[in-house]
């Protein structure tokens, strides 16, 4: 994965800096999914393949399937 930067208001930036590491990871995952949806016109099968790849990458970093399911359910 590659890091990108984008601007947010000062309040959001401060809250993100003060959030626990797990919350920051959850937010990053949600943002990745949202940006992907905005930038690419995936069909359902293509998007499911992308999510599977994302799940594998996140599992390697310690994010479990249960946590990913919770994140996706919230989105």
PDB file of N, CA and C in Angstrom:
ATOM      1  N   UNK A   1       0.837  -1.181   0.000  1.00  0.00           N
ATOM      2  CA  UNK A   1       0.000   0.000   0.000  1.00  0.00           C
ATOM      3  C   UNK A   1       0.876   1.236   0.000  1.00  0.00           C
ATOM      4  N   UNK A   2       0.300   2.303  -0.486  1.00  0.00           N
ATOM      5  CA  UNK A   2       1.010   3.574  -0.551  1.00  0.00           C
ATOM      6  C   UNK A   2       0.245   4.621   0.252  1.00  0.00           C
ATOM      7  N   UNK A   3       0.982   5.517   0.889  1.00  0.00           N
ATOM      8  CA  UNK A   3       0.345   6.585   1.659  1.00  0.00           C
ATOM      9  C   UNK A   3       0.030   7.753   0.742  1.00  0.00           C
ATOM     10  N   UNK A   4      -1.113   8.400   0.981  1.00  0.00           N
ATOM     11  CA  UNK A   4      -1.477   9.641   0.315  1.00  0.00           C
ATOM     12  C   UNK A   4      -1.875  10.635   1.384  1.00  0.00           C
ATOM     13  N   UNK A   5      -1.894  11.899   1.040  1.00  0.00           N
ATOM     14  CA  UNK A   5      -2.284  12.941   1.988  1.00  0.00           C
ATOM     15  C   UNK A   5      -3.386  13.782   1.365  1.00  0.00           C
ATOM     16  N   UNK A   6      -4.317  14.221   2.198  1.00  0.00           N
ATOM     17  CA  UNK A   6      -5.334  15.152   1.741  1.00  0.00           C
ATOM     18  C   UNK A   6      -5.692  16.066   2.899  1.00  0.00           C
ATOM     19  N   UNK A   7      -6.259  17.221   2.571  1.00  0.00           N
ATOM     20  CA  UNK A   7      -6.544  18.231   3.571  1.00  0.00           C
ATOM     21  C   UNK A   7      -7.879  17.968   4.267  1.00  0.00           C
ATOM     22  N   UNK A   8      -7.888  18.201   5.573  1.00  0.00           N
ATOM     23  CA  UNK A   8      -9.102  18.161   6.382  1.00  0.00           C
ATOM     24  C   UNK A   8      -9.073  19.397   7.276  1.00  0.00           C
ATOM     25  N   UNK A   9     -10.213  19.721   7.876  1.00  0.00           N
ATOM     26  CA  UNK A   9     -10.198  20.888   8.749  1.00  0.00           C
ATOM     27  C   UNK A   9      -9.408  20.581  10.020  1.00  0.00           C
ATOM     28  N   UNK A  10      -9.027  21.636  10.719  1.00  0.00           N
ATOM     29  CA  UNK A  10      -8.154  21.510  11.895  1.00  0.00           C
ATOM     30  C   UNK A  10      -8.748  20.603  12.972  1.00  0.00           C
ATOM     31  N   UNK A  11     -10.044  20.689  13.183  1.00  0.00           N
ATOM     32  CA  UNK A  11     -10.711  19.878  14.208  1.00  0.00           C
ATOM     33  C   UNK A  11     -10.584  18.390  13.906  1.00  0.00           C
ATOM     34  N   UNK A  12     -10.779  18.030  12.643  1.00  0.00           N
ATOM     35  CA  UNK A  12     -10.668  16.633  12.230  1.00  0.00           C
ATOM     36  C   UNK A  12      -9.225  16.154  12.391  1.00  0.00           C
ATOM     37  N   UNK A  13      -8.275  16.963  11.965  1.00  0.00           N
ATOM     38  CA  UNK A  13      -6.865  16.587  12.066  1.00  0.00           C
ATOM     39  C   UNK A  13      -6.461  16.351  13.524  1.00  0.00           C
ATOM     40  N   UNK A  14      -6.903  17.225  14.403  1.00  0.00           N
ATOM     41  CA  UNK A  14      -6.570  17.089  15.829  1.00  0.00           C
ATOM     42  C   UNK A  14      -7.192  15.820  16.411  1.00  0.00           C
ATOM     43  N   UNK A  15      -8.462  15.572  16.096  1.00  0.00           N
ATOM     44  CA  UNK A  15      -9.141  14.384  16.619  1.00  0.00           C
ATOM     45  C   UNK A  15      -8.480  13.113  16.110  1.00  0.00           C
ATOM     46  N   UNK A  16      -8.065  13.100  14.854  1.00  0.00           N
ATOM     47  CA  UNK A  16      -7.411  11.926  14.288  1.00  0.00           C
ATOM     48  C   UNK A  16      -6.067  11.663  14.982  1.00  0.00           C
ATOM     49  N   UNK A  17      -5.309  12.719  15.229  1.00  0.00           N
ATOM     50  CA  UNK A  17      -4.019  12.572  15.909  1.00  0.00           C
ATOM     51  C   UNK A  17      -4.185  12.018  17.323  1.00  0.00           C
ATOM     52  N   UNK A  18      -5.282  12.375  17.963  1.00  0.00           N
ATOM     53  CA  UNK A  18      -5.516  11.953  19.344  1.00  0.00           C
ATOM     54  C   UNK A  18      -6.217  10.602  19.448  1.00  0.00           C
ATOM     55  N   UNK A  19      -6.707  10.081  18.341  1.00  0.00           N
ATOM     56  CA  UNK A  19      -7.434   8.809  18.349  1.00  0.00           C
ATOM     57  C   UNK A  19      -6.480   7.641  18.575  1.00  0.00           C
ATOM     58  N   UNK A  20      -6.968   6.573  19.187  1.00  0.00           N
ATOM     59  CA  UNK A  20      -6.143   5.374  19.363  1.00  0.00           C
ATOM     60  C   UNK A  20      -5.757   4.772  18.000  1.00  0.00           C
ATOM     61  N   UNK A  21      -4.670   4.022  17.979  1.00  0.00           N
ATOM     62  CA  UNK A  21      -4.161   3.434  16.737  1.00  0.00           C
ATOM     63  C   UNK A  21      -5.214   2.574  16.043  1.00  0.00           C
ATOM     64  N   UNK A  22      -5.982   1.804  16.795  1.00  0.00           N
ATOM     65  CA  UNK A  22      -7.002   0.942  16.182  1.00  0.00           C
ATOM     66  C   UNK A  22      -8.062   1.779  15.468  1.00  0.00           C
ATOM     67  N   UNK A  23      -8.473   2.865  16.082  1.00  0.00           N
ATOM     68  CA  UNK A  23      -9.470   3.752  15.466  1.00  0.00           C
ATOM     69  C   UNK A  23      -8.906   4.372  14.191  1.00  0.00           C
ATOM     70  N   UNK A  24      -7.633   4.778  14.211  1.00  0.00           N
ATOM     71  CA  UNK A  24      -7.008   5.349  13.014  1.00  0.00           C
ATOM     72  C   UNK A  24      -6.949   4.327  11.890  1.00  0.00           C
ATOM     73  N   UNK A  25      -6.652   3.063  12.218  1.00  0.00           N
ATOM     74  CA  UNK A  25      -6.635   2.001  11.201  1.00  0.00           C
ATOM     75  C   UNK A  25      -8.026   1.777  10.624  1.00  0.00           C
ATOM     76  N   UNK A  26      -9.029   1.769  11.498  1.00  0.00           N
ATOM     77  CA  UNK A  26     -10.407   1.595  11.032  1.00  0.00           C
ATOM     78  C   UNK A  26     -10.798   2.716  10.072  1.00  0.00           C
ATOM     79  N   UNK A  27     -10.468   3.935  10.428  1.00  0.00           N
ATOM     80  CA  UNK A  27     -10.786   5.084   9.582  1.00  0.00           C
ATOM     81  C   UNK A  27     -10.050   4.978   8.253  1.00  0.00           C
ATOM     82  N   UNK A  28      -8.782   4.590   8.285  1.00  0.00           N
ATOM     83  CA  UNK A  28      -8.007   4.455   7.047  1.00  0.00           C
ATOM     84  C   UNK A  28      -8.636   3.418   6.119  1.00  0.00           C
ATOM     85  N   UNK A  29      -9.105   2.330   6.680  1.00  0.00           N
ATOM     86  CA  UNK A  29      -9.748   1.283   5.881  1.00  0.00           C
ATOM     87  C   UNK A  29     -11.029   1.809   5.253  1.00  0.00           C
ATOM     88  N   UNK A  30     -11.844   2.492   6.046  1.00  0.00           N
ATOM     89  CA  UNK A  30     -13.083   3.068   5.522  1.00  0.00           C
ATOM     90  C   UNK A  30     -12.798   4.079   4.415  1.00  0.00           C
ATOM     91  N   UNK A  31     -11.786   4.908   4.627  1.00  0.00           N
ATOM     92  CA  UNK A  31     -11.436   5.908   3.610  1.00  0.00           C
ATOM     93  C   UNK A  31     -10.956   5.236   2.338  1.00  0.00           C
ATOM     94  N   UNK A  32     -10.188   4.177   2.470  1.00  0.00           N
ATOM     95  CA  UNK A  32      -9.699   3.450   1.298  1.00  0.00           C
ATOM     96  C   UNK A  32     -10.874   2.916   0.483  1.00  0.00           C
ATOM     97  N   UNK A  33     -11.841   2.357   1.158  1.00  0.00           N
ATOM     98  CA  UNK A  33     -13.019   1.827   0.466  1.00  0.00           C
ATOM     99  C   UNK A  33     -13.793   2.962  -0.195  1.00  0.00           C
ATOM    100  N   UNK A  34     -14.007   4.043   0.525  1.00  0.00           N
ATOM    101  CA  UNK A  34     -14.775   5.168  -0.020  1.00  0.00           C
ATOM    102  C   UNK A  34     -14.078   5.798  -1.223  1.00  0.00           C
ATOM    103  N   UNK A  35     -12.778   6.010  -1.122  1.00  0.00           N
ATOM    104  CA  UNK A  35     -12.032   6.601  -2.236  1.00  0.00           C
ATOM    105  C   UNK A  35     -12.065   5.684  -3.440  1.00  0.00           C
ATOM    106  N   UNK A  36     -11.934   4.397  -3.194  1.00  0.00           N
ATOM    107  CA  UNK A  36     -12.004   3.428  -4.291  1.00  0.00           C
ATOM    108  C   UNK A  36     -13.339   3.522  -5.011  1.00  0.00           C
ATOM    109  N   UNK A  37     -14.410   3.589  -4.254  1.00  0.00           N
ATOM    110  CA  UNK A  37     -15.748   3.697  -4.859  1.00  0.00           C
ATOM    111  C   UNK A  37     -15.877   4.979  -5.678  1.00  0.00           C
ATOM    112  N   UNK A  38     -15.295   6.061  -5.198  1.00  0.00           N
ATOM    113  CA  UNK A  38     -15.381   7.343  -5.885  1.00  0.00           C
ATOM    114  C   UNK A  38     -14.531   7.387  -7.162  1.00  0.00           C
ATOM    115  N   UNK A  39     -13.362   6.760  -7.120  1.00  0.00           N
ATOM    116  CA  UNK A  39     -12.420   6.882  -8.232  1.00  0.00           C
ATOM    117  C   UNK A  39     -12.610   5.849  -9.335  1.00  0.00           C
ATOM    118  N   UNK A  40     -13.157   4.696  -8.997  1.00  0.00           N
ATOM    119  CA  UNK A  40     -13.245   3.610  -9.969  1.00  0.00           C
ATOM    120  C   UNK A  40     -14.679   3.169 -10.155  1.00  0.00           C
ATOM    121  N   UNK A  41     -14.984   2.790 -11.361  1.00  0.00           N
ATOM    122  CA  UNK A  41     -16.321   2.301 -11.679  1.00  0.00           C
ATOM    123  C   UNK A  41     -16.267   0.781 -11.713  1.00  0.00           C
ATOM    124  N   UNK A  42     -16.254   0.181 -10.520  1.00  0.00           N
ATOM    125  CA  UNK A  42     -16.175  -1.270 -10.436  1.00  0.00           C
ATOM    126  C   UNK A  42     -17.544  -1.899 -10.620  1.00  0.00           C
ATOM    127  N   UNK A  43     -17.579  -3.005 -11.315  1.00  0.00           N
ATOM    128  CA  UNK A  43     -18.781  -3.807 -11.259  1.00  0.00           C
ATOM    129  C   UNK A  43     -18.735  -4.577  -9.942  1.00  0.00           C
ATOM    130  N   UNK A  44     -19.823  -5.213  -9.574  1.00  0.00           N
ATOM    131  CA  UNK A  44     -19.890  -5.875  -8.266  1.00  0.00           C
ATOM    132  C   UNK A  44     -18.788  -6.917  -8.107  1.00  0.00           C
ATOM    133  N   UNK A  45     -18.572  -7.738  -9.128  1.00  0.00           N
ATOM    134  CA  UNK A  45     -17.551  -8.780  -9.037  1.00  0.00           C
ATOM    135  C   UNK A  45     -16.158  -8.168  -8.893  1.00  0.00           C
ATOM    136  N   UNK A  46     -15.867  -7.143  -9.660  1.00  0.00           N
ATOM    137  CA  UNK A  46     -14.565  -6.486  -9.562  1.00  0.00           C
ATOM    138  C   UNK A  46     -14.339  -5.863  -8.192  1.00  0.00           C
ATOM    139  N   UNK A  47     -15.393  -5.245  -7.658  1.00  0.00           N
ATOM    140  CA  UNK A  47     -15.264  -4.632  -6.342  1.00  0.00           C
ATOM    141  C   UNK A  47     -15.086  -5.687  -5.264  1.00  0.00           C
ATOM    142  N   UNK A  48     -15.781  -6.821  -5.387  1.00  0.00           N
ATOM    143  CA  UNK A  48     -15.608  -7.908  -4.422  1.00  0.00           C
ATOM    144  C   UNK A  48     -14.189  -8.469  -4.474  1.00  0.00           C
ATOM    145  N   UNK A  49     -13.610  -8.552  -5.666  1.00  0.00           N
ATOM    146  CA  UNK A  49     -12.224  -9.011  -5.783  1.00  0.00           C
ATOM    147  C   UNK A  49     -11.281  -8.018  -5.105  1.00  0.00           C
ATOM    148  N   UNK A  50     -11.546  -6.719  -5.314  1.00  0.00           N
ATOM    149  CA  UNK A  50     -10.734  -5.704  -4.664  1.00  0.00           C
ATOM    150  C   UNK A  50     -10.833  -5.823  -3.141  1.00  0.00           C
ATOM    151  N   UNK A  51     -12.049  -6.017  -2.625  1.00  0.00           N
ATOM    152  CA  UNK A  51     -12.227  -6.157  -1.177  1.00  0.00           C
ATOM    153  C   UNK A  51     -11.498  -7.379  -0.642  1.00  0.00           C
ATOM    154  N   UNK A  52     -11.516  -8.467  -1.381  1.00  0.00           N
ATOM    155  CA  UNK A  52     -10.792  -9.665  -0.958  1.00  0.00           C
ATOM    156  C   UNK A  52      -9.296  -9.381  -0.843  1.00  0.00           C
ATOM    157  N   UNK A  53      -8.759  -8.661  -1.827  1.00  0.00           N
ATOM    158  CA  UNK A  53      -7.346  -8.278  -1.779  1.00  0.00           C
ATOM    159  C   UNK A  53      -7.090  -7.370  -0.571  1.00  0.00           C
ATOM    160  N   UNK A  54      -7.988  -6.429  -0.337  1.00  0.00           N
ATOM    161  CA  UNK A  54      -7.845  -5.529   0.806  1.00  0.00           C
ATOM    162  C   UNK A  54      -7.909  -6.310   2.115  1.00  0.00           C
ATOM    163  N   UNK A  55      -8.839  -7.272   2.220  1.00  0.00           N
ATOM    164  CA  UNK A  55      -8.931  -8.103   3.430  1.00  0.00           C
ATOM    165  C   UNK A  55      -7.616  -8.834   3.683  1.00  0.00           C
ATOM    166  N   UNK A  56      -7.046  -9.397   2.635  1.00  0.00           N
ATOM    167  CA  UNK A  56      -5.776 -10.115   2.785  1.00  0.00           C
ATOM    168  C   UNK A  56      -4.674  -9.186   3.255  1.00  0.00           C
ATOM    169  N   UNK A  57      -4.601  -7.997   2.672  1.00  0.00           N
ATOM    170  CA  UNK A  57      -3.578  -7.022   3.084  1.00  0.00           C
ATOM    171  C   UNK A  57      -3.764  -6.609   4.536  1.00  0.00           C
ATOM    172  N   UNK A  58      -5.000  -6.369   4.924  1.00  0.00           N
ATOM    173  CA  UNK A  58      -5.273  -5.948   6.297  1.00  0.00           C
ATOM    174  C   UNK A  58      -5.028  -7.091   7.289  1.00  0.00           C
ATOM    175  N   UNK A  59      -5.350  -8.320   6.908  1.00  0.00           N
ATOM    176  CA  UNK A  59      -5.094  -9.467   7.778  1.00  0.00           C
ATOM    177  C   UNK A  59      -3.597  -9.600   8.048  1.00  0.00           C
ATOM    178  N   UNK A  60      -2.793  -9.336   7.048  1.00  0.00           N
ATOM    179  CA  UNK A  60      -1.340  -9.375   7.229  1.00  0.00           C
ATOM    180  C   UNK A  60      -0.881  -8.335   8.240  1.00  0.00           C
ATOM    181  N   UNK A  61      -1.662  -7.269   8.388  1.00  0.00           N
ATOM    182  CA  UNK A  61      -1.327  -6.192   9.326  1.00  0.00           C
ATOM    183  C   UNK A  61      -2.049  -6.351  10.667  1.00  0.00           C
ATOM    184  N   UNK A  62      -2.755  -7.485  10.852  1.00  0.00           N
ATOM    185  CA  UNK A  62      -3.389  -7.762  12.127  1.00  0.00           C
ATOM    186  C   UNK A  62      -4.860  -7.389  12.227  1.00  0.00           C
ATOM    187  N   UNK A  63      -5.436  -6.876  11.155  1.00  0.00           N
ATOM    188  CA  UNK A  63      -6.844  -6.528  11.156  1.00  0.00           C
ATOM    189  C   UNK A  63      -7.638  -7.776  10.800  1.00  0.00           C
ATOM    190  N   UNK A  64      -8.451  -8.264  11.716  1.00  0.00           N
ATOM    191  CA  UNK A  64      -9.151  -9.540  11.528  1.00  0.00           C
ATOM    192  C   UNK A  64     -10.372  -9.397  10.628  1.00  0.00           C
ATOM    193  N   UNK A  65     -10.879 -10.537  10.153  1.00  0.00           N
ATOM    194  CA  UNK A  65     -12.085 -10.554   9.332  1.00  0.00           C
ATOM    195  C   UNK A  65     -13.269  -9.982  10.108  1.00  0.00           C
ATOM    196  N   UNK A  66     -13.335 -10.286  11.395  1.00  0.00           N
ATOM    197  CA  UNK A  66     -14.434  -9.772  12.220  1.00  0.00           C
ATOM    198  C   UNK A  66     -14.427  -8.237  12.248  1.00  0.00           C
ATOM    199  N   UNK A  67     -13.264  -7.643  12.424  1.00  0.00           N
ATOM    200  CA  UNK A  67     -13.149  -6.183  12.441  1.00  0.00           C
ATOM    201  C   UNK A  67     -13.520  -5.624  11.074  1.00  0.00           C
ATOM    202  N   UNK A  68     -13.047  -6.245  10.001  1.00  0.00           N
ATOM    203  CA  UNK A  68     -13.394  -5.786   8.654  1.00  0.00           C
ATOM    204  C   UNK A  68     -14.904  -5.865   8.428  1.00  0.00           C
ATOM    205  N   UNK A  69     -15.539  -6.935   8.868  1.00  0.00           N
ATOM    206  CA  UNK A  69     -16.995  -7.054   8.720  1.00  0.00           C
ATOM    207  C   UNK A  69     -17.710  -5.935   9.468  1.00  0.00           C
ATOM    208  N   UNK A  70     -17.244  -5.615  10.660  1.00  0.00           N
ATOM    209  CA  UNK A  70     -17.845  -4.515  11.433  1.00  0.00           C
ATOM    210  C   UNK A  70     -17.690  -3.183  10.696  1.00  0.00           C
ATOM    211  N   UNK A  71     -16.521  -2.944  10.142  1.00  0.00           N
ATOM    212  CA  UNK A  71     -16.265  -1.710   9.402  1.00  0.00           C
ATOM    213  C   UNK A  71     -17.179  -1.623   8.186  1.00  0.00           C
ATOM    214  N   UNK A  72     -17.274  -2.693   7.433  1.00  0.00           N
ATOM    215  CA  UNK A  72     -18.110  -2.697   6.246  1.00  0.00           C
ATOM    216  C   UNK A  72     -19.585  -2.544   6.598  1.00  0.00           C
ATOM    217  N   UNK A  73     -20.005  -3.117   7.715  1.00  0.00           N
ATOM    218  CA  UNK A  73     -21.397  -2.994   8.144  1.00  0.00           C
ATOM    219  C   UNK A  73     -21.742  -1.560   8.525  1.00  0.00           C
ATOM    220  N   UNK A  74     -20.768  -0.830   9.070  1.00  0.00           N
ATOM    221  CA  UNK A  74     -20.986   0.557   9.463  1.00  0.00           C
ATOM    222  C   UNK A  74     -21.070   1.478   8.252  1.00  0.00           C
ATOM    223  N   UNK A  75     -20.331   1.134   7.174  1.00  0.00           N
ATOM    224  CA  UNK A  75     -20.236   1.987   5.992  1.00  0.00           C
ATOM    225  C   UNK A  75     -21.487   2.039   5.247  1.00  0.00           C
TER     226      UNK A  75
END
